[in-house]
Amino acid sequence: MHRLSDRMRALAPAHPRGVQLLAAAAEFDAAIDGYFAGPQTVSTEEYMATFQRALSLWSEATREAPA
């Protein structure tokens, strides 16, 4: 797992968009697993798109700018 997906899962139970946070965290973890798998099953473009969606949702949910 990634720090971002861990933080999304931690926030989800108390947040109105919790279901979305959990889904995005799971999608991001799957993309990480596929990207770093041997052989690679997720392209760089797919990985980056999934990361961007997760980061955007995190930023909206917390009102924090990406670090």
N, C-alpha and C. Protein backbone atom coordinates (compact mmCIF):
# COMPACT_ATOMS: atom_id res chain seq x y z
N MET A 1 0.83 -1.19 0.00
CA MET A 1 0.00 0.00 0.00
C MET A 1 0.87 1.25 0.00
N HIS A 2 0.25 2.28 -0.35
CA HIS A 2 0.92 3.57 -0.48
C HIS A 2 0.43 4.49 0.63
N ARG A 3 1.23 5.44 0.99
CA ARG A 3 0.86 6.38 2.06
C ARG A 3 -0.46 7.09 1.75
N LEU A 4 -0.65 7.49 0.49
CA LEU A 4 -1.89 8.18 0.11
C LEU A 4 -3.10 7.29 0.31
N SER A 5 -3.04 6.05 -0.14
CA SER A 5 -4.20 5.17 0.03
C SER A 5 -4.44 4.86 1.50
N ASP A 6 -3.39 4.75 2.29
CA ASP A 6 -3.55 4.54 3.74
C ASP A 6 -4.27 5.73 4.38
N ARG A 7 -3.89 6.92 3.99
CA ARG A 7 -4.52 8.13 4.54
C ARG A 7 -5.98 8.23 4.10
N MET A 8 -6.26 7.83 2.86
CA MET A 8 -7.64 7.85 2.37
C MET A 8 -8.50 6.88 3.16
N ARG A 9 -7.98 5.70 3.42
CA ARG A 9 -8.72 4.71 4.21
C ARG A 9 -8.95 5.19 5.65
N ALA A 10 -7.99 5.87 6.21
CA ALA A 10 -8.13 6.37 7.58
C ALA A 10 -9.19 7.47 7.67
N LEU A 11 -9.29 8.29 6.65
CA LEU A 11 -10.25 9.38 6.64
C LEU A 11 -11.67 8.91 6.33
N ALA A 12 -11.80 7.86 5.55
CA ALA A 12 -13.09 7.43 5.01
C ALA A 12 -14.22 7.24 6.02
N PRO A 13 -14.01 6.57 7.16
CA PRO A 13 -15.14 6.31 8.05
C PRO A 13 -15.85 7.56 8.56
N ALA A 14 -15.13 8.65 8.71
CA ALA A 14 -15.72 9.87 9.27
C ALA A 14 -16.05 10.91 8.21
N HIS A 15 -15.92 10.57 6.94
CA HIS A 15 -16.10 11.57 5.89
C HIS A 15 -17.33 11.25 5.04
N PRO A 16 -18.08 12.29 4.63
CA PRO A 16 -19.27 12.06 3.79
C PRO A 16 -18.95 11.37 2.46
N ARG A 17 -17.74 11.52 1.98
CA ARG A 17 -17.34 10.88 0.72
C ARG A 17 -16.51 9.62 0.98
N GLY A 18 -16.78 9.00 2.11
CA GLY A 18 -16.01 7.84 2.52
C GLY A 18 -16.01 6.70 1.52
N VAL A 19 -17.15 6.43 0.91
CA VAL A 19 -17.23 5.34 -0.07
C VAL A 19 -16.32 5.64 -1.25
N GLN A 20 -16.32 6.88 -1.71
CA GLN A 20 -15.45 7.27 -2.82
C GLN A 20 -13.98 7.16 -2.42
N LEU A 21 -13.67 7.57 -1.21
CA LEU A 21 -12.29 7.49 -0.73
C LEU A 21 -11.80 6.04 -0.70
N LEU A 22 -12.64 5.14 -0.21
CA LEU A 22 -12.26 3.73 -0.15
C LEU A 22 -12.09 3.14 -1.55
N ALA A 23 -12.99 3.49 -2.45
CA ALA A 23 -12.90 2.98 -3.82
C ALA A 23 -11.64 3.49 -4.51
N ALA A 24 -11.34 4.77 -4.34
CA ALA A 24 -10.15 5.35 -4.97
C ALA A 24 -8.88 4.75 -4.38
N ALA A 25 -8.88 4.50 -3.08
CA ALA A 25 -7.71 3.88 -2.44
C ALA A 25 -7.48 2.48 -2.98
N ALA A 26 -8.55 1.72 -3.13
CA ALA A 26 -8.42 0.36 -3.66
C ALA A 26 -7.95 0.38 -5.11
N GLU A 27 -8.49 1.31 -5.90
CA GLU A 27 -8.08 1.43 -7.30
C GLU A 27 -6.59 1.81 -7.39
N PHE A 28 -6.17 2.72 -6.55
CA PHE A 28 -4.77 3.16 -6.56
C PHE A 28 -3.85 2.01 -6.14
N ASP A 29 -4.22 1.28 -5.11
CA ASP A 29 -3.41 0.14 -4.68
C ASP A 29 -3.29 -0.91 -5.80
N ALA A 30 -4.39 -1.16 -6.51
CA ALA A 30 -4.35 -2.11 -7.62
C ALA A 30 -3.43 -1.61 -8.73
N ALA A 31 -3.46 -0.31 -8.99
CA ALA A 31 -2.59 0.26 -10.01
C ALA A 31 -1.12 0.15 -9.60
N ILE A 32 -0.84 0.39 -8.33
CA ILE A 32 0.54 0.24 -7.83
C ILE A 32 1.01 -1.19 -8.01
N ASP A 33 0.17 -2.14 -7.60
CA ASP A 33 0.55 -3.55 -7.72
C ASP A 33 0.83 -3.93 -9.17
N GLY A 34 -0.04 -3.48 -10.08
CA GLY A 34 0.14 -3.81 -11.49
C GLY A 34 1.33 -3.12 -12.12
N TYR A 35 1.58 -1.90 -11.70
CA TYR A 35 2.69 -1.14 -12.27
C TYR A 35 4.04 -1.74 -11.88
N PHE A 36 4.14 -2.18 -10.64
CA PHE A 36 5.41 -2.72 -10.15
C PHE A 36 5.49 -4.24 -10.25
N ALA A 37 4.49 -4.87 -10.86
CA ALA A 37 4.50 -6.32 -11.03
C ALA A 37 5.52 -6.73 -12.08
N GLY A 38 5.92 -7.95 -12.03
CA GLY A 38 6.79 -8.49 -13.07
C GLY A 38 6.11 -9.70 -13.68
N PRO A 39 5.59 -9.63 -14.86
CA PRO A 39 5.62 -8.50 -15.80
C PRO A 39 4.61 -7.42 -15.42
N GLN A 40 4.92 -6.24 -15.87
CA GLN A 40 4.08 -5.06 -15.59
C GLN A 40 2.72 -5.22 -16.27
N THR A 41 1.63 -5.03 -15.51
CA THR A 41 0.28 -5.18 -16.06
C THR A 41 -0.47 -3.86 -16.13
N VAL A 42 0.11 -2.80 -15.61
CA VAL A 42 -0.49 -1.46 -15.64
C VAL A 42 0.54 -0.53 -16.26
N SER A 43 0.11 0.20 -17.29
CA SER A 43 1.04 1.11 -17.97
C SER A 43 1.32 2.34 -17.11
N THR A 44 2.35 3.05 -17.50
CA THR A 44 2.69 4.29 -16.81
C THR A 44 1.53 5.28 -16.87
N GLU A 45 0.90 5.36 -18.04
CA GLU A 45 -0.22 6.29 -18.21
C GLU A 45 -1.38 5.93 -17.28
N GLU A 46 -1.71 4.63 -17.20
CA GLU A 46 -2.79 4.18 -16.31
C GLU A 46 -2.44 4.45 -14.85
N TYR A 47 -1.20 4.16 -14.49
CA TYR A 47 -0.75 4.38 -13.11
C TYR A 47 -0.86 5.86 -12.75
N MET A 48 -0.36 6.72 -13.62
CA MET A 48 -0.39 8.16 -13.33
C MET A 48 -1.81 8.70 -13.30
N ALA A 49 -2.69 8.21 -14.17
CA ALA A 49 -4.08 8.65 -14.16
C ALA A 49 -4.77 8.24 -12.87
N THR A 50 -4.51 7.04 -12.41
CA THR A 50 -5.10 6.57 -11.16
C THR A 50 -4.57 7.37 -9.98
N PHE A 51 -3.28 7.65 -9.98
CA PHE A 51 -2.68 8.47 -8.93
C PHE A 51 -3.31 9.86 -8.92
N GLN A 52 -3.49 10.46 -10.09
CA GLN A 52 -4.08 11.80 -10.17
C GLN A 52 -5.51 11.81 -9.64
N ARG A 53 -6.29 10.80 -9.99
CA ARG A 53 -7.67 10.73 -9.48
C ARG A 53 -7.68 10.61 -7.96
N ALA A 54 -6.83 9.76 -7.42
CA ALA A 54 -6.77 9.58 -5.96
C ALA A 54 -6.31 10.87 -5.28
N LEU A 55 -5.29 11.50 -5.82
CA LEU A 55 -4.78 12.73 -5.22
C LEU A 55 -5.80 13.86 -5.30
N SER A 56 -6.51 13.95 -6.41
CA SER A 56 -7.54 14.98 -6.55
C SER A 56 -8.65 14.79 -5.54
N LEU A 57 -9.10 13.55 -5.39
CA LEU A 57 -10.15 13.26 -4.41
C LEU A 57 -9.66 13.58 -3.00
N TRP A 58 -8.44 13.18 -2.68
CA TRP A 58 -7.87 13.47 -1.36
C TRP A 58 -7.85 14.98 -1.11
N SER A 59 -7.40 15.73 -2.10
CA SER A 59 -7.31 17.19 -1.96
C SER A 59 -8.69 17.81 -1.77
N GLU A 60 -9.68 17.32 -2.51
CA GLU A 60 -11.05 17.82 -2.36
C GLU A 60 -11.60 17.49 -0.98
N ALA A 61 -11.36 16.28 -0.53
CA ALA A 61 -11.92 15.82 0.74
C ALA A 61 -11.29 16.52 1.94
N THR A 62 -10.01 16.81 1.85
CA THR A 62 -9.32 17.41 2.99
C THR A 62 -9.11 18.91 2.84
N ARG A 63 -9.32 19.38 1.64
CA ARG A 63 -9.06 20.79 1.29
C ARG A 63 -7.59 21.14 1.50
N GLU A 64 -6.75 20.14 1.31
CA GLU A 64 -5.30 20.32 1.40
C GLU A 64 -4.72 20.33 -0.01
N ALA A 65 -3.75 21.17 -0.21
CA ALA A 65 -3.03 21.15 -1.49
C ALA A 65 -2.11 19.94 -1.49
N PRO A 66 -1.93 19.32 -2.66
CA PRO A 66 -1.00 18.19 -2.72
C PRO A 66 0.40 18.60 -2.29
N ALA A 67 1.03 17.75 -1.54
CA ALA A 67 2.39 18.03 -1.06
C ALA A 67 3.42 17.40 -1.96
